[in-house]
């Protein structure tokens, strides 16, 4: 059995490697409170059908949203309305601040 010492050496080497560091990013963000955006009156008066706004923000360790900014929006007024809503969202507490992004949809009430 000449291969037996090599196999034992391979097992010993594998056991010496340090375990990988835990990755905090694996903790999913959990939305606790969501405020829906309001469609601006000026758009409703213009036969508004719907639109969207992509918002990037930072979730703080206490779950509050900060640094919200529009990445892209189908109309500038929708971007402002989306930021106002997202800034009121609350997430479950996390170990450290984390960036996130969402797309907020707007639909005209029929």
C-alpha atoms as a PDB file:
ATOM      1  CA  UNK A   1       0.000   0.000   0.000  1.00  0.00           C
ATOM      2  CA  UNK A   2       2.469   2.668  -1.120  1.00  0.00           C
ATOM      3  CA  UNK A   3      -0.325   5.210  -1.774  1.00  0.00           C
ATOM      4  CA  UNK A   4      -1.575   5.243   1.834  1.00  0.00           C
ATOM      5  CA  UNK A   5       1.006   7.771   3.206  1.00  0.00           C
ATOM      6  CA  UNK A   6       0.220  10.204   0.350  1.00  0.00           C
ATOM      7  CA  UNK A   7      -3.493  10.058   1.079  1.00  0.00           C
ATOM      8  CA  UNK A   8      -2.878  10.728   4.772  1.00  0.00           C
ATOM      9  CA  UNK A   9      -0.658  13.709   3.916  1.00  0.00           C
ATOM     10  CA  UNK A  10      -3.367  15.166   1.658  1.00  0.00           C
ATOM     11  CA  UNK A  11      -5.965  14.882   4.424  1.00  0.00           C
ATOM     12  CA  UNK A  12      -3.619  16.504   6.954  1.00  0.00           C
ATOM     13  CA  UNK A  13      -2.894  19.421   4.586  1.00  0.00           C
ATOM     14  CA  UNK A  14      -6.592  20.000   3.979  1.00  0.00           C
ATOM     15  CA  UNK A  15      -7.282  20.102   7.709  1.00  0.00           C
ATOM     16  CA  UNK A  16      -4.650  22.832   8.280  1.00  0.00           C
ATOM     17  CA  UNK A  17      -6.248  25.377   5.907  1.00  0.00           C
ATOM     18  CA  UNK A  18      -8.157  28.081   7.791  1.00  0.00           C
ATOM     19  CA  UNK A  19     -11.919  28.098   7.338  1.00  0.00           C
ATOM     20  CA  UNK A  20     -13.244  30.771   4.966  1.00  0.00           C
ATOM     21  CA  UNK A  21     -14.234  34.046   6.624  1.00  0.00           C
ATOM     22  CA  UNK A  22     -17.992  34.467   7.057  1.00  0.00           C
ATOM     23  CA  UNK A  23     -19.514  36.637   4.360  1.00  0.00           C
ATOM     24  CA  UNK A  24     -21.891  39.210   5.837  1.00  0.00           C
ATOM     25  CA  UNK A  25     -23.351  39.970   2.418  1.00  0.00           C
ATOM     26  CA  UNK A  26     -25.160  36.624   2.613  1.00  0.00           C
ATOM     27  CA  UNK A  27     -27.601  38.072   5.137  1.00  0.00           C
ATOM     28  CA  UNK A  28     -30.599  39.045   2.997  1.00  0.00           C
ATOM     29  CA  UNK A  29     -32.153  42.445   3.485  1.00  0.00           C
ATOM     30  CA  UNK A  30     -35.597  42.044   5.012  1.00  0.00           C
ATOM     31  CA  UNK A  31     -38.041  44.852   4.338  1.00  0.00           C
ATOM     32  CA  UNK A  32     -40.212  45.505   7.403  1.00  0.00           C
ATOM     33  CA  UNK A  33     -42.090  48.608   6.313  1.00  0.00           C
ATOM     34  CA  UNK A  34     -42.710  49.821   2.774  1.00  0.00           C
ATOM     35  CA  UNK A  35     -44.282  53.115   1.798  1.00  0.00           C
ATOM     36  CA  UNK A  36     -45.770  53.199  -1.694  1.00  0.00           C
ATOM     37  CA  UNK A  37     -44.970  56.275  -3.773  1.00  0.00           C
ATOM     38  CA  UNK A  38     -47.633  58.706  -4.872  1.00  0.00           C
ATOM     39  CA  UNK A  39     -47.960  59.607  -8.543  1.00  0.00           C
ATOM     40  CA  UNK A  40     -47.437  63.378  -8.795  1.00  0.00           C
ATOM     41  CA  UNK A  41     -50.641  65.314  -9.545  1.00  0.00           C
ATOM     42  CA  UNK A  42     -49.037  67.058 -12.517  1.00  0.00           C
ATOM     43  CA  UNK A  43     -48.558  63.672 -14.225  1.00  0.00           C
ATOM     44  CA  UNK A  44     -52.077  62.506 -13.388  1.00  0.00           C
ATOM     45  CA  UNK A  45     -53.399  65.617 -15.092  1.00  0.00           C
ATOM     46  CA  UNK A  46     -51.447  64.642 -18.234  1.00  0.00           C
ATOM     47  CA  UNK A  47     -53.211  61.308 -18.797  1.00  0.00           C
ATOM     48  CA  UNK A  48     -50.458  59.366 -17.000  1.00  0.00           C
ATOM     49  CA  UNK A  49     -50.433  55.624 -17.750  1.00  0.00           C
ATOM     50  CA  UNK A  50     -47.484  54.406 -15.684  1.00  0.00           C
ATOM     51  CA  UNK A  51     -43.754  54.520 -15.280  1.00  0.00           C
ATOM     52  CA  UNK A  52     -40.804  53.550 -13.123  1.00  0.00           C
ATOM     53  CA  UNK A  53     -37.854  54.854 -11.151  1.00  0.00           C
ATOM     54  CA  UNK A  54     -34.699  52.966 -10.196  1.00  0.00           C
ATOM     55  CA  UNK A  55     -33.419  54.079  -6.807  1.00  0.00           C
ATOM     56  CA  UNK A  56     -30.067  53.271  -5.205  1.00  0.00           C
ATOM     57  CA  UNK A  57     -29.687  53.699  -1.443  1.00  0.00           C
ATOM     58  CA  UNK A  58     -27.817  52.584   1.672  1.00  0.00           C
ATOM     59  CA  UNK A  59     -29.464  50.500   4.390  1.00  0.00           C
ATOM     60  CA  UNK A  60     -27.980  51.507   7.740  1.00  0.00           C
ATOM     61  CA  UNK A  61     -27.336  48.959  10.534  1.00  0.00           C
ATOM     62  CA  UNK A  62     -30.522  50.141  12.307  1.00  0.00           C
ATOM     63  CA  UNK A  63     -32.572  49.426   9.148  1.00  0.00           C
ATOM     64  CA  UNK A  64     -33.129  53.046   8.081  1.00  0.00           C
ATOM     65  CA  UNK A  65     -32.534  54.166   4.492  1.00  0.00           C
ATOM     66  CA  UNK A  66     -30.030  56.904   3.657  1.00  0.00           C
ATOM     67  CA  UNK A  67     -28.335  58.378   0.601  1.00  0.00           C
ATOM     68  CA  UNK A  68     -31.249  57.550  -1.723  1.00  0.00           C
ATOM     69  CA  UNK A  69     -30.681  58.689  -5.296  1.00  0.00           C
ATOM     70  CA  UNK A  70     -32.313  58.093  -8.654  1.00  0.00           C
ATOM     71  CA  UNK A  71     -30.334  55.956 -11.081  1.00  0.00           C
ATOM     72  CA  UNK A  72     -32.902  56.127 -13.878  1.00  0.00           C
ATOM     73  CA  UNK A  73     -36.538  57.168 -14.193  1.00  0.00           C
ATOM     74  CA  UNK A  74     -39.127  57.295 -16.941  1.00  0.00           C
ATOM     75  CA  UNK A  75     -39.973  60.830 -15.748  1.00  0.00           C
ATOM     76  CA  UNK A  76     -38.039  63.156 -13.409  1.00  0.00           C
ATOM     77  CA  UNK A  77     -41.070  63.691 -11.159  1.00  0.00           C
ATOM     78  CA  UNK A  78     -41.355  59.917 -10.646  1.00  0.00           C
ATOM     79  CA  UNK A  79     -37.747  59.822  -9.457  1.00  0.00           C
ATOM     80  CA  UNK A  80     -38.480  62.413  -6.775  1.00  0.00           C
ATOM     81  CA  UNK A  81     -41.629  60.584  -5.658  1.00  0.00           C
ATOM     82  CA  UNK A  82     -39.750  57.268  -5.486  1.00  0.00           C
ATOM     83  CA  UNK A  83     -36.992  58.783  -3.322  1.00  0.00           C
ATOM     84  CA  UNK A  84     -39.573  60.260  -0.928  1.00  0.00           C
ATOM     85  CA  UNK A  85     -41.164  56.821  -0.530  1.00  0.00           C
ATOM     86  CA  UNK A  86     -37.947  54.757  -0.282  1.00  0.00           C
ATOM     87  CA  UNK A  87     -36.511  57.078   2.391  1.00  0.00           C
ATOM     88  CA  UNK A  88     -39.425  56.012   4.611  1.00  0.00           C
ATOM     89  CA  UNK A  89     -38.798  52.279   4.176  1.00  0.00           C
ATOM     90  CA  UNK A  90     -37.461  50.299   7.144  1.00  0.00           C
ATOM     91  CA  UNK A  91     -35.426  47.098   7.030  1.00  0.00           C
ATOM     92  CA  UNK A  92     -34.533  44.549   9.706  1.00  0.00           C
ATOM     93  CA  UNK A  93     -31.274  45.489  11.488  1.00  0.00           C
ATOM     94  CA  UNK A  94     -28.058  44.283   9.783  1.00  0.00           C
ATOM     95  CA  UNK A  95     -24.420  44.018  10.987  1.00  0.00           C
ATOM     96  CA  UNK A  96     -23.128  46.877   8.809  1.00  0.00           C
ATOM     97  CA  UNK A  97     -24.411  49.426   6.290  1.00  0.00           C
ATOM     98  CA  UNK A  98     -25.089  48.019   2.841  1.00  0.00           C
ATOM     99  CA  UNK A  99     -25.942  49.411  -0.592  1.00  0.00           C
ATOM    100  CA  UNK A 100     -29.108  48.289  -2.317  1.00  0.00           C
ATOM    101  CA  UNK A 101     -31.170  49.268  -5.352  1.00  0.00           C
ATOM    102  CA  UNK A 102     -34.804  48.802  -6.308  1.00  0.00           C
ATOM    103  CA  UNK A 103     -37.095  49.605  -9.186  1.00  0.00           C
ATOM    104  CA  UNK A 104     -40.283  51.325  -8.087  1.00  0.00           C
ATOM    105  CA  UNK A 105     -43.259  50.970 -10.442  1.00  0.00           C
ATOM    106  CA  UNK A 106     -45.954  53.580 -10.843  1.00  0.00           C
ATOM    107  CA  UNK A 107     -49.378  52.792 -12.251  1.00  0.00           C
ATOM    108  CA  UNK A 108     -52.254  55.137 -12.884  1.00  0.00           C
ATOM    109  CA  UNK A 109     -55.325  54.315 -10.827  1.00  0.00           C
ATOM    110  CA  UNK A 110     -58.130  53.570 -13.235  1.00  0.00           C
END
